[in-house]
Every structure is written in structure tokens, then in C-alpha cells.
């Protein structure tokens, strides 16, 4: 079962300093597919060039296993907007073309899923990475109650040095 977008919402995370989080607006059953990670697939080297001048982009980029590339949901300024339109710095007017002519925006709600806080209730999302399609799909690993924040494990290589203590 695929999630109805009206069943989820972005609002301030329950984690201090985390910014936005993603929450269930209704009870949602285990196994529900939330969708795929939004963004433009970029070669790692091209994403690192963007990230060097726009470091906020790194906050939301998804690194595919085996370093096959990055999924970048941010705009040309490295900021996460509500919608991702696509585009690249490699071609003049690419961002304009994607926004104004192609105009196939994708919601970036799934880019707002946080990792659970230390001492929190744990993860309620698991992922499936399809490297042939270069696609990451999010599923619920258990039933989620209305008002509950979605959490996933960011993986072994994620830097947690700035994490605060348990949720207040």
C-alpha cells in the first residue's frame, strides 16, 4: 500500500536542533510504502563540487551504496524547498528549463525524516535501495500512530558528533 500524501506532514521535529521532521497525521499500518527519496541523481564528484560552495546541500543528499552517486533534493542554492524540480549546474538555464518548461515537481517531504534521538523510541522506517534503478524506497517497519514522528537509521558512516542527549 502506498501512502496518501494527506496522511503525512512536515513540522518541527521533537528533536532539539533538528529542524523539520516528518509526522503521521493518521494511524498508518506496518508495511506501508511512503515513497522514494526525492531528488536529482548526481555523480558523486559533481555533487561534491556543488556541496563545496553550497554546504547545506550535504544535509539532505542521499549517498547511494557502493558510491554510485548521490540523490540531491536541494535547489541550485543548496536549500531544501517543498518541491524539487530538478536541474544541474552543468548546463546553462537547466534549472529554469526544469521549473518552467518540464515542470514535474516532486515533493521533498521524505527528505525531512530524522534519525531517532539518543534514548528515543527507535526507528519506524526501513529502506530498500535499488541500485539498478538508483532509487531508495521507504517502508514502515511497524504500525505508526497519528502524531508520531518518522525515524530511520542514517547508517554507520553518519557523523553523530553534534548530537544532543535524549529527547526532552
Foldseek 3Di string as FASTA:
>chain_A
DEDDVVQKDWDQDLFPPLGIFMFGQAKDFFFYWDFWAAADWDQAVQVVVQCVQQVLQVLQWDQAPPSRTIGTQADSNSDHDQWRQDAGPPDPCRNVCSCPPVNDIDGNNVSRHEAAAAVDPGAQWDWDQDVVVRIIIIGGRGIHHRPDTHHDDSDDPDDCPPGDHHRD
